Protein backbone atom coordinates (compact mmCIF):
# COMPACT_ATOMS: atom_id res chain seq x y z
CA MET A 1 108.04 -126.36 77.68
CA LYS A 2 108.42 -128.32 74.47
CA TYR A 3 111.58 -128.37 72.42
CA GLU A 4 112.52 -129.43 68.92
CA MET A 5 115.92 -129.61 67.29
CA SER A 6 116.09 -129.29 63.53
CA GLY A 7 118.79 -129.13 60.89
CA GLN A 8 121.76 -131.33 60.14
CA VAL A 9 124.87 -129.19 59.73
CA LEU A 10 123.86 -125.96 61.46
CA PRO A 11 121.12 -126.99 63.88
CA VAL A 12 118.42 -124.83 65.40
CA LEU A 13 116.81 -125.35 68.80
CA MET A 14 113.16 -124.26 68.88
CA LEU A 15 111.59 -123.88 72.33
CA THR A 16 107.84 -123.54 72.69
CA LEU A 17 106.87 -121.83 75.93
CA LYS A 18 103.52 -121.97 77.67
CA LYS A 19 102.18 -119.56 80.26
CA GLU A 20 104.19 -120.91 83.22
CA ASP A 21 107.48 -121.27 81.29
CA ALA A 22 110.54 -119.01 81.16
CA LEU A 23 114.04 -119.38 79.69
CA ILE A 24 117.40 -118.10 80.78
CA THR A 25 120.59 -117.56 78.76
CA THR A 26 123.96 -116.08 79.65
CA GLY A 27 123.98 -113.44 76.96
CA ARG A 28 123.19 -115.52 73.89
CA GLU A 29 120.39 -113.89 71.93
CA SER A 30 117.64 -115.87 70.27
CA ALA A 31 117.91 -116.01 66.49
CA TRP A 32 114.18 -115.24 66.43
CA HIS A 33 111.23 -115.31 68.80
CA THR A 34 107.54 -114.55 68.71
CA LEU A 35 106.31 -111.17 69.92
CA SER A 36 104.63 -112.90 72.88
CA ILE A 37 108.08 -113.42 74.43
CA LYS A 38 109.65 -110.52 76.28
CA LYS A 39 113.35 -110.32 77.14
CA GLU A 40 114.84 -108.79 80.27
CA LYS A 41 118.42 -108.58 81.50
CA VAL A 42 119.00 -109.94 84.98
CA SER A 43 122.17 -110.20 87.03
CA ASP A 44 123.07 -112.36 89.98
CA GLY A 45 126.81 -112.33 89.46
CA LEU A 46 126.39 -113.44 85.84
CA VAL A 47 124.69 -111.27 83.26
CA LYS A 48 121.74 -113.25 81.95
CA ILE A 49 118.82 -112.74 79.61
CA ARG A 50 115.47 -114.05 80.81
CA TYR A 51 112.80 -114.83 78.21
CA ASN A 52 109.32 -114.48 79.74
CA LEU A 53 106.06 -115.30 78.06
CA ASP A 54 103.52 -112.49 77.74
CA GLY A 55 100.59 -114.49 76.44
CA LYS A 56 99.41 -118.09 76.11
CA GLN A 57 102.22 -119.50 73.97
CA GLY A 58 105.46 -118.39 72.34
CA LEU A 59 108.48 -119.68 70.45
CA ALA A 60 112.17 -118.85 70.83
CA ALA A 61 114.77 -120.25 68.42
CA PHE A 62 118.50 -120.50 69.00
CA THR A 63 120.94 -121.43 66.24
CA SER A 64 124.29 -123.16 66.47
CA SER A 65 127.34 -120.96 65.99
CA MET A 66 129.28 -123.66 64.08
CA PRO A 67 128.57 -126.97 62.34
CA GLY A 68 127.73 -129.58 64.96
CA HIS A 69 124.70 -130.32 67.09
CA ILE A 70 122.78 -129.10 70.11
CA LYS A 71 122.37 -131.43 73.09
CA GLY A 72 119.65 -131.34 75.72
CA ALA A 73 120.31 -132.44 79.31
CA GLU A 74 117.82 -132.88 82.13
CA ILE A 75 119.15 -131.17 85.25
CA ARG A 76 117.89 -132.48 88.58
CA LYS A 77 118.86 -132.13 92.22
CA ASP A 78 120.82 -135.38 91.92
CA ARG A 79 122.21 -134.60 88.43
CA THR A 80 124.24 -131.42 88.02
CA LEU A 81 126.31 -130.70 84.93
CA VAL A 82 129.39 -128.59 84.19
CA VAL A 83 129.33 -126.96 80.72
CA ARG A 84 131.69 -124.69 78.79
CA ALA A 85 130.38 -121.14 78.93
CA ASP A 86 130.72 -120.61 75.17
CA ALA A 87 128.78 -123.84 74.49
CA PHE A 88 125.82 -123.02 76.75
CA VAL A 89 122.69 -122.10 74.77
CA ALA A 90 119.71 -121.82 77.14
CA ALA A 91 117.91 -123.46 80.05
CA GLU A 92 114.53 -123.49 81.71
CA ALA A 93 114.30 -120.87 84.46
CA GLY A 94 114.44 -123.59 87.17
CA VAL A 95 118.07 -124.32 86.26
CA VAL A 96 120.62 -122.44 88.36
CA ILE A 97 123.65 -121.24 86.38
CA GLU A 98 126.75 -120.34 88.35
CA PRO A 99 130.48 -119.93 87.67
CA TYR A 100 132.45 -123.16 88.08
CA LEU A 101 135.84 -122.49 86.48
CA ASP A 102 137.45 -119.36 85.07
CA GLU A 103 141.09 -120.03 84.31
CA THR A 104 143.68 -118.87 81.82
CA ILE A 105 145.89 -121.72 80.65
CA ASN A 106 148.89 -120.76 78.54
CA GLY A 107 147.15 -117.58 77.40
CA ARG A 108 143.82 -119.25 76.57
CA GLU A 109 140.72 -118.81 78.69
CA LEU A 110 138.59 -121.72 79.91
CA VAL A 111 135.27 -120.69 81.47
CA MET A 112 132.75 -123.27 82.64
CA TYR A 113 129.36 -123.06 84.36
CA LYS A 114 127.80 -125.40 86.87
CA LEU A 115 124.14 -126.15 86.11
CA SER A 116 122.00 -127.28 89.04
CA GLY A 117 118.37 -127.03 90.13
CA GLU A 118 115.68 -128.53 87.93
CA GLY A 119 114.79 -128.28 84.24
CA MET A 120 116.14 -128.80 80.75
CA ALA A 121 119.42 -127.21 79.67
CA PHE A 122 120.85 -127.03 76.16
CA TYR A 123 124.39 -126.66 74.88
CA GLU A 124 126.08 -126.91 71.51
CA MET A 125 128.85 -129.23 70.42
CA ARG A 126 131.07 -128.34 67.50
CA GLY A 127 131.58 -131.13 65.01
CA SER A 128 130.76 -134.57 66.36
CA SER A 129 130.84 -135.63 69.99
CA VAL A 130 132.46 -138.43 71.91
CA GLU A 131 131.25 -139.59 75.32
CA TYR A 132 133.56 -141.15 77.91
CA ASN A 133 132.68 -142.52 81.33
CA LEU A 134 135.92 -142.14 83.26
CA VAL A 135 136.43 -144.27 86.35
CA ALA A 136 138.28 -143.10 89.46
CA GLY A 137 141.98 -142.82 88.67
CA GLN A 138 141.40 -142.60 84.91
CA ALA A 139 142.35 -139.40 83.06
CA LEU A 140 142.55 -137.93 79.57
CA ASP A 141 145.29 -135.57 78.35
CA MET A 142 143.42 -133.34 75.93
CA THR A 143 143.33 -129.98 74.19
CA MET A 144 141.26 -127.80 76.49
CA ASN A 145 138.96 -126.48 73.77
CA MET A 146 137.65 -130.01 73.09
CA ILE A 147 135.93 -130.39 76.49
CA VAL A 148 132.25 -129.43 76.34
CA SER A 149 130.59 -130.87 79.42
CA MET A 150 131.26 -133.14 82.35
CA GLU A 151 129.75 -134.37 85.56
CA GLU A 152 130.76 -132.36 88.61
CA SER A 153 132.66 -135.38 89.99
CA ASN A 154 135.33 -134.90 87.27
CA SER A 155 138.19 -132.44 87.62
CA ILE A 156 140.33 -130.41 85.21
CA GLU A 157 144.00 -129.59 85.79
CA PRO A 158 146.21 -127.50 83.48
CA ILE A 159 149.32 -129.13 82.06
CA GLU A 160 152.11 -126.60 82.51
CA GLY A 161 154.54 -125.78 79.74
CA ASP A 162 152.33 -126.80 76.82
CA ASP A 163 152.28 -123.37 75.18
CA GLU A 164 151.03 -124.28 71.73
CA THR A 165 147.95 -126.41 72.34
CA SER A 166 146.95 -125.71 75.98
CA HIS A 167 146.40 -129.26 77.12
CA VAL A 168 144.57 -130.14 80.31
CA LEU A 169 144.27 -133.30 82.36
CA LEU A 170 140.62 -134.34 82.66
CA LYS A 171 140.23 -136.75 85.58
CA GLY A 172 137.45 -139.14 86.54
CA PRO A 173 135.27 -140.40 87.92
CA GLY A 174 132.36 -139.30 85.80
CA LYS A 175 130.93 -138.84 82.34
CA VAL A 176 132.48 -136.32 79.92
CA PHE A 177 131.48 -135.09 76.46
CA ILE A 178 134.20 -134.05 74.04
CA GLN A 179 133.68 -132.20 70.75
CA THR A 180 135.72 -132.99 67.66
CA GLN A 181 135.99 -129.37 66.47
CA GLY A 182 137.47 -126.85 68.88
């Protein structure tokens, strides 16, 4: 599979599939796709849409829901990733998507997926992004809607009593990506 990201403010992710390729999303529809790509709903605990190629080549395009950018991450057996559910765009069919966190914090829902297996995965970040590499014992007190992705070695804990902004404690060790627009 080949991918191209285009656009500055409202980016688009264009994925070119070849005969052996397939994509999976968790409900996000493509903005457009060629007629050689067929969609089917699948469920293994999560409702997903699988994009299969019915031909030699096809294109599926996914647009960002807000100004920001779309990030690609290579998922491998030794490199899993935890991503906000509402930020997840699509992944190659070799990526396993499973629930990681589903918690209501002060009336606001935080749902995250664990991505494992092998293949490329894509997720959107609203606004700009900041990357931190937290060491063991290091933590960030942050508004929960700013977290986009993290390594599985990190942990998230709700901060009780913060009714207005729903802060969480994001603990290391591991890399985290934070968006500037929640």
